[in-house]
Amino acid sequence: MDLSKVLEQLRKELEHLDVAILTLERLQEKSNRRGRPPKVLSALRAPAKLNPRAAISPPQVSRRGSRIGG
């Protein structure tokens, strides 16, 4: 095998290794986050909570025909 071809292959492998190292470093930085996750993430992970009173009782209406508390 020609020496120039060997050098070319080694340079390509070096590029691939650099990309892999950078990717792993980025993953490591993300895993060290501290604190409370954003509401969007917690809402996606948490199961939906149902309000049993909302399903049973109709909305309260005053004598004038408007809703109470809303």
PDB file of N, CA and C in Angstrom:
ATOM      1  N   MET A   1       0.846  -1.173   0.000  1.00  0.00           N
ATOM      2  CA  MET A   1       0.000   0.000   0.000  1.00  0.00           C
ATOM      3  C   MET A   1       0.895   1.241   0.000  1.00  0.00           C
ATOM      4  N   ASP A   2       0.485   2.220  -0.702  1.00  0.00           N
ATOM      5  CA  ASP A   2       1.232   3.462  -0.834  1.00  0.00           C
ATOM      6  C   ASP A   2       1.154   4.272   0.461  1.00  0.00           C
ATOM      7  N   LEU A   3       2.222   4.940   0.832  1.00  0.00           N
ATOM      8  CA  LEU A   3       2.286   5.712   2.057  1.00  0.00           C
ATOM      9  C   LEU A   3       1.288   6.868   2.049  1.00  0.00           C
ATOM     10  N   SER A   4       1.060   7.465   0.908  1.00  0.00           N
ATOM     11  CA  SER A   4       0.101   8.579   0.824  1.00  0.00           C
ATOM     12  C   SER A   4      -1.326   8.099   1.099  1.00  0.00           C
ATOM     13  N   LYS A   5      -1.649   6.884   0.657  1.00  0.00           N
ATOM     14  CA  LYS A   5      -2.977   6.331   0.933  1.00  0.00           C
ATOM     15  C   LYS A   5      -3.150   6.048   2.424  1.00  0.00           C
ATOM     16  N   VAL A   6      -2.110   5.559   3.059  1.00  0.00           N
ATOM     17  CA  VAL A   6      -2.166   5.284   4.495  1.00  0.00           C
ATOM     18  C   VAL A   6      -2.387   6.579   5.257  1.00  0.00           C
ATOM     19  N   LEU A   7      -1.653   7.631   4.876  1.00  0.00           N
ATOM     20  CA  LEU A   7      -1.820   8.927   5.530  1.00  0.00           C
ATOM     21  C   LEU A   7      -3.228   9.476   5.318  1.00  0.00           C
ATOM     22  N   GLU A   8      -3.765   9.301   4.135  1.00  0.00           N
ATOM     23  CA  GLU A   8      -5.128   9.771   3.837  1.00  0.00           C
ATOM     24  C   GLU A   8      -6.154   9.052   4.707  1.00  0.00           C
ATOM     25  N   GLN A   9      -6.009   7.746   4.848  1.00  0.00           N
ATOM     26  CA  GLN A   9      -6.937   6.978   5.682  1.00  0.00           C
ATOM     27  C   GLN A   9      -6.823   7.386   7.153  1.00  0.00           C
ATOM     28  N   LEU A  10      -5.605   7.611   7.607  1.00  0.00           N
ATOM     29  CA  LEU A  10      -5.409   8.030   8.995  1.00  0.00           C
ATOM     30  C   LEU A  10      -6.029   9.405   9.250  1.00  0.00           C
ATOM     31  N   ARG A  11      -5.931  10.304   8.296  1.00  0.00           N
ATOM     32  CA  ARG A  11      -6.549  11.618   8.452  1.00  0.00           C
ATOM     33  C   ARG A  11      -8.075  11.510   8.509  1.00  0.00           C
ATOM     34  N   LYS A  12      -8.642  10.626   7.689  1.00  0.00           N
ATOM     35  CA  LYS A  12     -10.095  10.420   7.723  1.00  0.00           C
ATOM     36  C   LYS A  12     -10.522   9.844   9.071  1.00  0.00           C
ATOM     37  N   GLU A  13      -9.764   8.891   9.572  1.00  0.00           N
ATOM     38  CA  GLU A  13     -10.093   8.315  10.872  1.00  0.00           C
ATOM     39  C   GLU A  13      -9.966   9.358  11.979  1.00  0.00           C
ATOM     40  N   LEU A  14      -8.985  10.244  11.861  1.00  0.00           N
ATOM     41  CA  LEU A  14      -8.807  11.308  12.833  1.00  0.00           C
ATOM     42  C   LEU A  14     -10.026  12.235  12.841  1.00  0.00           C
ATOM     43  N   GLU A  15     -10.556  12.549  11.671  1.00  0.00           N
ATOM     44  CA  GLU A  15     -11.763  13.372  11.585  1.00  0.00           C
ATOM     45  C   GLU A  15     -12.938  12.692  12.271  1.00  0.00           C
ATOM     46  N   HIS A  16     -13.109  11.397  12.021  1.00  0.00           N
ATOM     47  CA  HIS A  16     -14.209  10.648  12.635  1.00  0.00           C
ATOM     48  C   HIS A  16     -14.055  10.606  14.158  1.00  0.00           C
ATOM     49  N   LEU A  17     -12.822  10.431  14.617  1.00  0.00           N
ATOM     50  CA  LEU A  17     -12.587  10.406  16.059  1.00  0.00           C
ATOM     51  C   LEU A  17     -12.853  11.777  16.687  1.00  0.00           C
ATOM     52  N   ASP A  18     -12.489  12.848  15.993  1.00  0.00           N
ATOM     53  CA  ASP A  18     -12.766  14.192  16.508  1.00  0.00           C
ATOM     54  C   ASP A  18     -14.264  14.429  16.647  1.00  0.00           C
ATOM     55  N   VAL A  19     -15.025  14.009  15.657  1.00  0.00           N
ATOM     56  CA  VAL A  19     -16.480  14.170  15.715  1.00  0.00           C
ATOM     57  C   VAL A  19     -17.060  13.348  16.858  1.00  0.00           C
ATOM     58  N   ALA A  20     -16.575  12.136  17.031  1.00  0.00           N
ATOM     59  CA  ALA A  20     -17.071  11.285  18.113  1.00  0.00           C
ATOM     60  C   ALA A  20     -16.740  11.877  19.478  1.00  0.00           C
ATOM     61  N   ILE A  21     -15.548  12.416  19.625  1.00  0.00           N
ATOM     62  CA  ILE A  21     -15.148  13.011  20.900  1.00  0.00           C
ATOM     63  C   ILE A  21     -16.008  14.233  21.205  1.00  0.00           C
ATOM     64  N   LEU A  22     -16.223  15.085  20.212  1.00  0.00           N
ATOM     65  CA  LEU A  22     -17.060  16.271  20.423  1.00  0.00           C
ATOM     66  C   LEU A  22     -18.485  15.890  20.798  1.00  0.00           C
ATOM     67  N   THR A  23     -19.020  14.868  20.162  1.00  0.00           N
ATOM     68  CA  THR A  23     -20.380  14.423  20.461  1.00  0.00           C
ATOM     69  C   THR A  23     -20.481  13.916  21.895  1.00  0.00           C
ATOM     70  N   LEU A  24     -19.520  13.130  22.313  1.00  0.00           N
ATOM     71  CA  LEU A  24     -19.532  12.615  23.688  1.00  0.00           C
ATOM     72  C   LEU A  24     -19.362  13.737  24.706  1.00  0.00           C
ATOM     73  N   GLU A  25     -18.551  14.720  24.392  1.00  0.00           N
ATOM     74  CA  GLU A  25     -18.396  15.855  25.311  1.00  0.00           C
ATOM     75  C   GLU A  25     -19.700  16.627  25.440  1.00  0.00           C
ATOM     76  N   ARG A  26     -20.418  16.815  24.342  1.00  0.00           N
ATOM     77  CA  ARG A  26     -21.703  17.507  24.393  1.00  0.00           C
ATOM     78  C   ARG A  26     -22.721  16.723  25.214  1.00  0.00           C
ATOM     79  N   LEU A  27     -22.733  15.413  25.050  1.00  0.00           N
ATOM     80  CA  LEU A  27     -23.650  14.586  25.836  1.00  0.00           C
ATOM     81  C   LEU A  27     -23.333  14.672  27.320  1.00  0.00           C
ATOM     82  N   GLN A  28     -22.082  14.719  27.649  1.00  0.00           N
ATOM     83  CA  GLN A  28     -21.687  14.807  29.044  1.00  0.00           C
ATOM     84  C   GLN A  28     -22.126  16.136  29.643  1.00  0.00           C
ATOM     85  N   GLU A  29     -22.009  17.216  28.896  1.00  0.00           N
ATOM     86  CA  GLU A  29     -22.422  18.527  29.388  1.00  0.00           C
ATOM     87  C   GLU A  29     -23.919  18.557  29.664  1.00  0.00           C
ATOM     88  N   LYS A  30     -24.714  17.937  28.820  1.00  0.00           N
ATOM     89  CA  LYS A  30     -26.160  17.938  28.989  1.00  0.00           C
ATOM     90  C   LYS A  30     -26.587  17.114  30.198  1.00  0.00           C
ATOM     91  N   SER A  31     -25.865  16.068  30.530  1.00  0.00           N
ATOM     92  CA  SER A  31     -26.271  15.204  31.634  1.00  0.00           C
ATOM     93  C   SER A  31     -25.965  15.827  32.994  1.00  0.00           C
ATOM     94  N   ASN A  32     -25.148  16.873  33.024  1.00  0.00           N
ATOM     95  CA  ASN A  32     -24.790  17.495  34.295  1.00  0.00           C
ATOM     96  C   ASN A  32     -25.708  18.643  34.654  1.00  0.00           C
ATOM     97  N   ARG A  33     -26.831  18.758  33.990  1.00  0.00           N
ATOM     98  CA  ARG A  33     -27.760  19.839  34.317  1.00  0.00           C
ATOM     99  C   ARG A  33     -28.294  19.648  35.724  1.00  0.00           C
ATOM    100  N   ARG A  34     -28.498  20.752  36.391  1.00  0.00           N
ATOM    101  CA  ARG A  34     -29.049  20.679  37.738  1.00  0.00           C
ATOM    102  C   ARG A  34     -30.274  21.557  37.804  1.00  0.00           C
ATOM    103  N   GLY A  35     -31.105  21.281  38.782  1.00  0.00           N
ATOM    104  CA  GLY A  35     -32.270  22.120  38.991  1.00  0.00           C
ATOM    105  C   GLY A  35     -33.535  21.503  38.435  1.00  0.00           C
ATOM    106  N   ARG A  36     -34.563  22.280  38.492  1.00  0.00           N
ATOM    107  CA  ARG A  36     -35.889  21.834  38.084  1.00  0.00           C
ATOM    108  C   ARG A  36     -36.017  21.856  36.563  1.00  0.00           C
ATOM    109  N   PRO A  37     -36.586  20.806  35.962  1.00  0.00           N
ATOM    110  CA  PRO A  37     -36.762  20.818  34.515  1.00  0.00           C
ATOM    111  C   PRO A  37     -37.850  21.818  34.116  1.00  0.00           C
ATOM    112  N   PRO A  38     -37.823  22.295  32.884  1.00  0.00           N
ATOM    113  CA  PRO A  38     -38.853  23.224  32.430  1.00  0.00           C
ATOM    114  C   PRO A  38     -40.243  22.603  32.518  1.00  0.00           C
ATOM    115  N   LYS A  39     -41.272  23.458  32.643  1.00  0.00           N
ATOM    116  CA  LYS A  39     -42.643  22.965  32.764  1.00  0.00           C
ATOM    117  C   LYS A  39     -43.062  22.137  31.567  1.00  0.00           C
ATOM    118  N   VAL A  40     -42.566  22.480  30.405  1.00  0.00           N
ATOM    119  CA  VAL A  40     -42.941  21.745  29.191  1.00  0.00           C
ATOM    120  C   VAL A  40     -42.518  20.290  29.313  1.00  0.00           C
ATOM    121  N   LEU A  41     -41.300  20.055  29.777  1.00  0.00           N
ATOM    122  CA  LEU A  41     -40.816  18.678  29.906  1.00  0.00           C
ATOM    123  C   LEU A  41     -41.566  17.922  30.987  1.00  0.00           C
ATOM    124  N   SER A  42     -41.822  18.581  32.109  1.00  0.00           N
ATOM    125  CA  SER A  42     -42.524  17.877  33.185  1.00  0.00           C
ATOM    126  C   SER A  42     -43.965  17.583  32.787  1.00  0.00           C
ATOM    127  N   ALA A  43     -44.580  18.447  31.977  1.00  0.00           N
ATOM    128  CA  ALA A  43     -45.949  18.202  31.530  1.00  0.00           C
ATOM    129  C   ALA A  43     -46.003  17.018  30.566  1.00  0.00           C
ATOM    130  N   LEU A  44     -44.975  16.857  29.767  1.00  0.00           N
ATOM    131  CA  LEU A  44     -44.955  15.734  28.826  1.00  0.00           C
ATOM    132  C   LEU A  44     -44.737  14.406  29.543  1.00  0.00           C
ATOM    133  N   ARG A  45     -43.936  14.431  30.594  1.00  0.00           N
ATOM    134  CA  ARG A  45     -43.621  13.191  31.304  1.00  0.00           C
ATOM    135  C   ARG A  45     -44.710  12.769  32.279  1.00  0.00           C
ATOM    136  N   ALA A  46     -45.402  13.726  32.871  1.00  0.00           N
ATOM    137  CA  ALA A  46     -46.403  13.418  33.892  1.00  0.00           C
ATOM    138  C   ALA A  46     -47.694  12.923  33.240  1.00  0.00           C
ATOM    139  N   PRO A  47     -48.349  11.936  33.852  1.00  0.00           N
ATOM    140  CA  PRO A  47     -49.640  11.493  33.318  1.00  0.00           C
ATOM    141  C   PRO A  47     -50.697  12.574  33.533  1.00  0.00           C
ATOM    142  N   ALA A  48     -51.691  12.572  32.696  1.00  0.00           N
ATOM    143  CA  ALA A  48     -52.753  13.579  32.797  1.00  0.00           C
ATOM    144  C   ALA A  48     -53.538  13.362  34.081  1.00  0.00           C
ATOM    145  N   LYS A  49     -53.758  14.443  34.815  1.00  0.00           N
ATOM    146  CA  LYS A  49     -54.523  14.366  36.053  1.00  0.00           C
ATOM    147  C   LYS A  49     -55.952  14.794  35.759  1.00  0.00           C
ATOM    148  N   LEU A  50     -56.868  13.964  36.149  1.00  0.00           N
ATOM    149  CA  LEU A  50     -58.276  14.270  35.929  1.00  0.00           C
ATOM    150  C   LEU A  50     -58.884  14.841  37.196  1.00  0.00           C
ATOM    151  N   ASN A  51     -59.760  15.794  37.035  1.00  0.00           N
ATOM    152  CA  ASN A  51     -60.458  16.388  38.164  1.00  0.00           C
ATOM    153  C   ASN A  51     -61.791  15.656  38.303  1.00  0.00           C
ATOM    154  N   PRO A  52     -61.967  14.822  39.329  1.00  0.00           N
ATOM    155  CA  PRO A  52     -63.207  14.056  39.448  1.00  0.00           C
ATOM    156  C   PRO A  52     -64.427  14.942  39.672  1.00  0.00           C
ATOM    157  N   ARG A  53     -64.273  16.085  40.335  1.00  0.00           N
ATOM    158  CA  ARG A  53     -65.416  16.978  40.570  1.00  0.00           C
ATOM    159  C   ARG A  53     -65.904  17.594  39.262  1.00  0.00           C
ATOM    160  N   ALA A  54     -65.011  17.855  38.333  1.00  0.00           N
ATOM    161  CA  ALA A  54     -65.403  18.479  37.071  1.00  0.00           C
ATOM    162  C   ALA A  54     -66.268  17.533  36.241  1.00  0.00           C
ATOM    163  N   ALA A  55     -66.027  16.242  36.363  1.00  0.00           N
ATOM    164  CA  ALA A  55     -66.799  15.282  35.582  1.00  0.00           C
ATOM    165  C   ALA A  55     -68.170  15.014  36.203  1.00  0.00           C
ATOM    166  N   ILE A  56     -68.304  15.209  37.512  1.00  0.00           N
ATOM    167  CA  ILE A  56     -69.544  14.857  38.203  1.00  0.00           C
ATOM    168  C   ILE A  56     -70.513  16.036  38.273  1.00  0.00           C
ATOM    169  N   SER A  57     -70.041  17.172  38.753  1.00  0.00           N
ATOM    170  CA  SER A  57     -70.963  18.279  38.992  1.00  0.00           C
ATOM    171  C   SER A  57     -70.973  19.261  37.819  1.00  0.00           C
ATOM    172  N   PRO A  58     -72.157  19.753  37.479  1.00  0.00           N
ATOM    173  CA  PRO A  58     -72.233  20.758  36.416  1.00  0.00           C
ATOM    174  C   PRO A  58     -71.704  22.090  36.944  1.00  0.00           C
ATOM    175  N   PRO A  59     -71.339  23.019  36.061  1.00  0.00           N
ATOM    176  CA  PRO A  59     -70.845  24.306  36.538  1.00  0.00           C
ATOM    177  C   PRO A  59     -71.914  25.057  37.310  1.00  0.00           C
ATOM    178  N   GLN A  60     -71.496  25.769  38.348  1.00  0.00           N
ATOM    179  CA  GLN A  60     -72.442  26.509  39.166  1.00  0.00           C
ATOM    180  C   GLN A  60     -72.849  27.791  38.432  1.00  0.00           C
ATOM    181  N   VAL A  61     -74.154  28.070  38.443  1.00  0.00           N
ATOM    182  CA  VAL A  61     -74.687  29.237  37.765  1.00  0.00           C
ATOM    183  C   VAL A  61     -75.477  30.054  38.776  1.00  0.00           C
ATOM    184  N   SER A  62     -75.270  31.363  38.754  1.00  0.00           N
ATOM    185  CA  SER A  62     -76.019  32.231  39.669  1.00  0.00           C
ATOM    186  C   SER A  62     -77.446  32.391  39.168  1.00  0.00           C
ATOM    187  N   ARG A  63     -78.258  33.043  39.945  1.00  0.00           N
ATOM    188  CA  ARG A  63     -79.654  33.251  39.563  1.00  0.00           C
ATOM    189  C   ARG A  63     -79.794  34.162  38.351  1.00  0.00           C
ATOM    190  N   ARG A  64     -78.800  34.967  38.113  1.00  0.00           N
ATOM    191  CA  ARG A  64     -78.849  35.889  36.968  1.00  0.00           C
ATOM    192  C   ARG A  64     -78.436  35.205  35.668  1.00  0.00           C
ATOM    193  N   GLY A  65     -77.881  34.010  35.755  1.00  0.00           N
ATOM    194  CA  GLY A  65     -77.527  33.264  34.553  1.00  0.00           C
ATOM    195  C   GLY A  65     -76.057  33.303  34.218  1.00  0.00           C
ATOM    196  N   SER A  66     -75.240  33.925  35.058  1.00  0.00           N
ATOM    197  CA  SER A  66     -73.811  33.929  34.801  1.00  0.00           C
ATOM    198  C   SER A  66     -73.125  32.926  35.712  1.00  0.00           C
ATOM    199  N   ARG A  67     -71.948  32.497  35.296  1.00  0.00           N
ATOM    200  CA  ARG A  67     -71.192  31.519  36.081  1.00  0.00           C
ATOM    201  C   ARG A  67     -70.664  32.151  37.350  1.00  0.00           C
ATOM    202  N   ILE A  68     -70.552  31.349  38.384  1.00  0.00           N
ATOM    203  CA  ILE A  68     -69.995  31.799  39.656  1.00  0.00           C
ATOM    204  C   ILE A  68     -68.508  31.476  39.661  1.00  0.00           C
ATOM    205  N   GLY A  69     -67.669  32.455  40.038  1.00  0.00           N
ATOM    206  CA  GLY A  69     -66.233  32.229  40.157  1.00  0.00           C
ATOM    207  C   GLY A  69     -65.506  32.255  38.847  1.00  0.00           C
ATOM    208  N   GLY A  70     -66.050  32.707  37.795  1.00  0.00           N
ATOM    209  CA  GLY A  70     -65.333  32.670  36.533  1.00  0.00           C
ATOM    210  C   GLY A  70     -65.502  33.883  35.804  1.00  0.00           C
TER     211      GLY A  70
END
